């Protein structure tokens, strides 16, 4: 194994808290403190997979995630009676996805893993989003990869296979690290190695999915530091 590639939303960063933080500021600015920013963040995220499925199915050409997020934001706000917003305000709010914080173990774990392995995101995020996130959070990627360079959204096989091709590596020389069993199943089907790291509060305290490894993945770790320990053993 030569490279580790990472799911980002939920695995590397706490998207829910970060998006809710930005939404709370916006709701306060427009006098809508009656709305729960975490519930609004969840509603925004629920539109994520259906929007990408339009591209995966071929009903829509490949469209970068920033554009999909922006469209979904307008829809979510409209569902909650918020319309007529200034386009510039929504553009700024959409950048919430660029300003997410990593989980506490991430930076130490990534720096330890970087000593031996090539590190890159394998995310549905686009290049600008992932690069801005990395700069703010100081994520030590060796390259910024993801859906935009390969023109495919996970779990399409092309998302995994073209990533390995960009790295000039065989699929079995690349390991996907993810907190989502479904993502890992698609990666394994494409020939990649797999590592599961649980993030039991990604969706809040009442999370019911991806609480444990559901398949015999190549590695199962409690966090990135534990994964580094296992890979260096």
Protein backbone atom coordinates (compact mmCIF):
# COMPACT_ATOMS: atom_id res chain seq x y z
CA UNK A 1 0.00 0.00 0.00
CA UNK A 2 1.38 3.39 -1.03
CA UNK A 3 -1.44 5.89 -0.61
CA UNK A 4 -4.26 6.67 1.78
CA UNK A 5 -7.23 8.56 0.37
CA UNK A 6 -9.91 9.92 2.63
CA UNK A 7 -13.59 10.53 2.63
CA UNK A 8 -13.83 14.07 4.01
CA UNK A 9 -17.35 15.08 5.09
CA UNK A 10 -17.91 13.20 8.33
CA UNK A 11 -14.63 11.27 8.30
CA UNK A 12 -12.08 14.11 8.35
CA UNK A 13 -14.28 17.06 9.31
CA UNK A 14 -17.35 17.63 11.47
CA UNK A 15 -19.62 19.03 8.77
CA UNK A 16 -22.76 19.24 10.94
CA UNK A 17 -21.36 21.51 13.65
CA UNK A 18 -19.57 23.73 11.16
CA UNK A 19 -22.55 24.22 8.88
CA UNK A 20 -24.88 24.79 11.84
CA UNK A 21 -22.49 27.44 13.20
CA UNK A 22 -22.62 29.38 9.93
CA UNK A 23 -26.39 28.98 9.63
CA UNK A 24 -26.89 30.23 13.18
CA UNK A 25 -25.12 33.46 12.28
CA UNK A 26 -27.23 33.93 9.17
CA UNK A 27 -30.50 33.15 10.94
CA UNK A 28 -29.65 35.68 13.63
CA UNK A 29 -28.86 38.31 11.00
CA UNK A 30 -32.27 37.89 9.34
CA UNK A 31 -34.24 37.58 12.57
CA UNK A 32 -35.11 33.88 12.28
CA UNK A 33 -33.75 32.59 15.57
CA UNK A 34 -36.90 30.46 15.81
CA UNK A 35 -35.26 27.95 13.45
CA UNK A 36 -32.85 25.29 14.73
CA UNK A 37 -29.56 25.66 12.81
CA UNK A 38 -28.70 21.98 13.35
CA UNK A 39 -32.05 20.87 11.90
CA UNK A 40 -31.45 23.22 8.97
CA UNK A 41 -27.95 21.79 8.47
CA UNK A 42 -29.44 18.29 8.43
CA UNK A 43 -32.05 19.37 5.88
CA UNK A 44 -29.35 20.88 3.67
CA UNK A 45 -27.33 17.68 3.89
CA UNK A 46 -30.35 15.51 2.99
CA UNK A 47 -30.38 17.14 -0.44
CA UNK A 48 -26.74 16.13 -1.02
CA UNK A 49 -27.21 12.61 -2.37
CA UNK A 50 -30.28 13.37 -4.54
CA UNK A 51 -28.44 16.28 -6.16
CA UNK A 52 -25.40 14.14 -6.99
CA UNK A 53 -27.64 11.33 -8.23
CA UNK A 54 -28.86 13.64 -10.98
CA UNK A 55 -25.24 13.70 -12.22
CA UNK A 56 -24.51 10.02 -11.56
CA UNK A 57 -27.61 8.99 -13.51
CA UNK A 58 -26.69 11.11 -16.53
CA UNK A 59 -29.82 13.23 -16.21
CA UNK A 60 -27.49 16.17 -15.62
CA UNK A 61 -23.89 16.73 -16.71
CA UNK A 62 -21.25 16.54 -14.00
CA UNK A 63 -21.65 19.66 -11.86
CA UNK A 64 -19.25 20.62 -9.09
CA UNK A 65 -20.46 20.29 -5.53
CA UNK A 66 -20.28 24.01 -4.76
CA UNK A 67 -22.97 24.59 -7.39
CA UNK A 68 -25.13 21.76 -6.08
CA UNK A 69 -24.76 23.01 -2.51
CA UNK A 70 -25.77 26.53 -3.57
CA UNK A 71 -28.89 25.28 -5.33
CA UNK A 72 -29.77 23.07 -2.37
CA UNK A 73 -29.36 25.98 0.03
CA UNK A 74 -31.98 28.03 -1.79
CA UNK A 75 -34.35 25.08 -1.69
CA UNK A 76 -33.86 24.45 2.03
CA UNK A 77 -34.37 28.09 2.92
CA UNK A 78 -37.50 28.27 0.78
CA UNK A 79 -38.87 25.18 2.55
CA UNK A 80 -38.57 27.16 5.80
CA UNK A 81 -40.19 30.30 4.45
CA UNK A 82 -36.98 32.21 3.75
CA UNK A 83 -37.03 33.77 0.28
CA UNK A 84 -35.74 36.90 -1.42
CA UNK A 85 -32.27 36.55 0.08
CA UNK A 86 -29.44 38.56 -1.40
CA UNK A 87 -27.41 36.40 -3.78
CA UNK A 88 -24.15 37.59 -2.21
CA UNK A 89 -25.33 36.55 1.25
CA UNK A 90 -26.19 33.07 -0.01
CA UNK A 91 -22.86 32.79 -1.82
CA UNK A 92 -21.08 33.59 1.44
CA UNK A 93 -23.22 31.17 3.42
CA UNK A 94 -22.52 28.44 0.87
CA UNK A 95 -18.84 28.73 1.80
CA UNK A 96 -19.72 27.16 5.16
CA UNK A 97 -18.67 23.88 3.54
CA UNK A 98 -15.19 25.36 2.96
CA UNK A 99 -14.78 26.27 6.65
CA UNK A 100 -15.32 23.00 8.48
CA UNK A 101 -13.27 21.90 11.47
CA UNK A 102 -11.44 18.56 11.63
CA UNK A 103 -12.18 16.05 14.36
CA UNK A 104 -9.73 16.34 17.30
CA UNK A 105 -7.57 13.36 16.27
CA UNK A 106 -7.22 14.27 12.61
CA UNK A 107 -4.20 16.56 12.43
CA UNK A 108 -1.98 14.43 14.64
CA UNK A 109 -3.08 11.27 12.86
CA UNK A 110 -2.56 12.69 9.37
CA UNK A 111 0.91 13.98 10.17
CA UNK A 112 1.92 10.57 11.48
CA UNK A 113 0.46 8.80 8.45
CA UNK A 114 2.17 11.25 6.08
CA UNK A 115 5.58 9.97 7.14
CA UNK A 116 4.98 6.77 5.20
CA UNK A 117 2.02 7.24 2.85
CA UNK A 118 0.85 9.62 0.13
CA UNK A 119 -2.27 11.38 1.48
CA UNK A 120 -5.14 12.90 -0.49
CA UNK A 121 -8.88 13.42 -0.15
CA UNK A 122 -11.19 11.18 -2.14
CA UNK A 123 -14.24 13.32 -1.55
CA UNK A 124 -17.28 14.42 -3.47
CA UNK A 125 -16.10 17.96 -2.79
CA UNK A 126 -14.64 20.07 -5.59
CA UNK A 127 -11.06 21.32 -5.75
CA UNK A 128 -11.64 24.86 -4.47
CA UNK A 129 -13.76 23.60 -1.58
CA UNK A 130 -11.21 21.00 -0.49
CA UNK A 131 -8.23 23.30 -0.95
CA UNK A 132 -9.82 26.11 1.05
CA UNK A 133 -10.77 23.67 3.78
CA UNK A 134 -7.25 22.26 3.90
CA UNK A 135 -5.65 25.70 4.06
CA UNK A 136 -7.91 26.80 6.93
CA UNK A 137 -7.66 23.55 8.89
CA UNK A 138 -4.00 22.86 7.96
CA UNK A 139 -4.77 19.43 6.56
CA UNK A 140 -1.45 18.08 5.20
CA UNK A 141 -2.62 16.65 1.88
CA UNK A 142 0.00 15.74 -0.71
CA UNK A 143 -2.55 16.48 -3.44
CA UNK A 144 -6.15 17.70 -3.64
CA UNK A 145 -8.17 15.07 -5.46
CA UNK A 146 -11.88 14.27 -5.42
CA UNK A 147 -14.92 14.21 -7.65
CA UNK A 148 -13.97 17.17 -9.83
CA UNK A 149 -10.67 15.82 -11.24
CA UNK A 150 -12.21 12.40 -11.98
CA UNK A 151 -15.62 13.78 -13.07
CA UNK A 152 -17.51 11.19 -11.03
CA UNK A 153 -19.31 11.11 -7.71
CA UNK A 154 -18.91 8.29 -5.23
CA UNK A 155 -20.00 5.53 -5.14
CA UNK A 156 -19.48 5.34 -8.91
CA UNK A 157 -16.56 2.96 -9.59
CA UNK A 158 -14.88 5.64 -11.69
CA UNK A 159 -14.47 7.83 -8.59
CA UNK A 160 -12.15 5.24 -7.04
CA UNK A 161 -10.49 3.83 -10.16
CA UNK A 162 -9.67 7.18 -11.74
CA UNK A 163 -8.23 8.41 -8.44
CA UNK A 164 -5.81 5.48 -8.42
CA UNK A 165 -5.01 6.20 -12.06
CA UNK A 166 -4.23 9.85 -11.27
CA UNK A 167 -1.82 8.63 -8.62
CA UNK A 168 -0.19 6.25 -11.12
CA UNK A 169 -0.96 3.39 -8.76
CA UNK A 170 -2.85 0.13 -8.92
CA UNK A 171 -6.17 0.17 -7.01
CA UNK A 172 -4.77 -2.29 -4.47
CA UNK A 173 -1.95 0.15 -3.69
CA UNK A 174 -4.53 2.67 -2.47
CA UNK A 175 -6.61 2.51 0.72
CA UNK A 176 -9.81 4.45 1.29
CA UNK A 177 -10.27 5.68 4.86
CA UNK A 178 -13.92 6.40 5.63
CA UNK A 179 -16.49 6.48 8.40
CA UNK A 180 -19.18 5.17 6.04
CA UNK A 181 -19.60 1.46 5.36
CA UNK A 182 -21.30 2.07 2.02
CA UNK A 183 -18.39 4.14 0.72
CA UNK A 184 -15.97 1.40 1.76
CA UNK A 185 -18.03 -1.29 0.03
CA UNK A 186 -17.85 0.63 -3.24
CA UNK A 187 -14.11 1.17 -2.81
CA UNK A 188 -13.53 -2.51 -2.10
CA UNK A 189 -15.56 -3.48 -5.17
CA UNK A 190 -13.23 -1.25 -7.21
CA UNK A 191 -10.18 -3.05 -5.81
CA UNK A 192 -9.02 -0.57 -3.16
CA UNK A 193 -8.01 -1.48 0.35
CA UNK A 194 -10.31 -0.23 3.10
CA UNK A 195 -10.04 1.30 6.57
CA UNK A 196 -13.03 2.14 8.77
CA UNK A 197 -12.84 4.90 11.38
CA UNK A 198 -16.04 5.40 13.38
CA UNK A 199 -17.47 8.91 13.78
CA UNK A 200 -20.46 8.13 16.04
CA UNK A 201 -21.61 11.76 16.36
CA UNK A 202 -21.36 12.82 12.71
CA UNK A 203 -25.16 13.14 12.62
CA UNK A 204 -25.53 14.24 16.24
CA UNK A 205 -26.00 12.42 19.51
CA UNK A 206 -28.88 10.31 18.18
CA UNK A 207 -26.92 8.84 15.25
CA UNK A 208 -28.09 5.36 14.25
CA UNK A 209 -25.94 4.62 11.16
CA UNK A 210 -22.27 3.73 10.70
CA UNK A 211 -21.71 3.29 14.42
CA UNK A 212 -19.48 0.27 13.81
CA UNK A 213 -17.66 -1.60 11.07
CA UNK A 214 -20.28 -3.72 9.33
CA UNK A 215 -17.88 -5.71 7.15
CA UNK A 216 -14.41 -7.21 7.72
CA UNK A 217 -12.49 -4.19 6.42
CA UNK A 218 -8.70 -4.36 6.07
CA UNK A 219 -8.35 -2.06 9.09
CA UNK A 220 -10.79 -0.88 11.74
CA UNK A 221 -9.61 2.00 13.94
CA UNK A 222 -11.05 4.17 16.67
CA UNK A 223 -9.54 7.31 15.15
CA UNK A 224 -6.71 8.48 12.87
CA UNK A 225 -4.09 8.18 15.57
CA UNK A 226 -5.10 4.56 16.16
CA UNK A 227 -5.00 3.94 12.41
CA UNK A 228 -1.46 5.31 12.25
CA UNK A 229 -0.46 3.05 15.13
CA UNK A 230 -1.86 0.01 13.32
CA UNK A 231 -0.24 0.85 10.00
CA UNK A 232 3.15 1.47 11.61
CA UNK A 233 3.06 -1.71 13.73
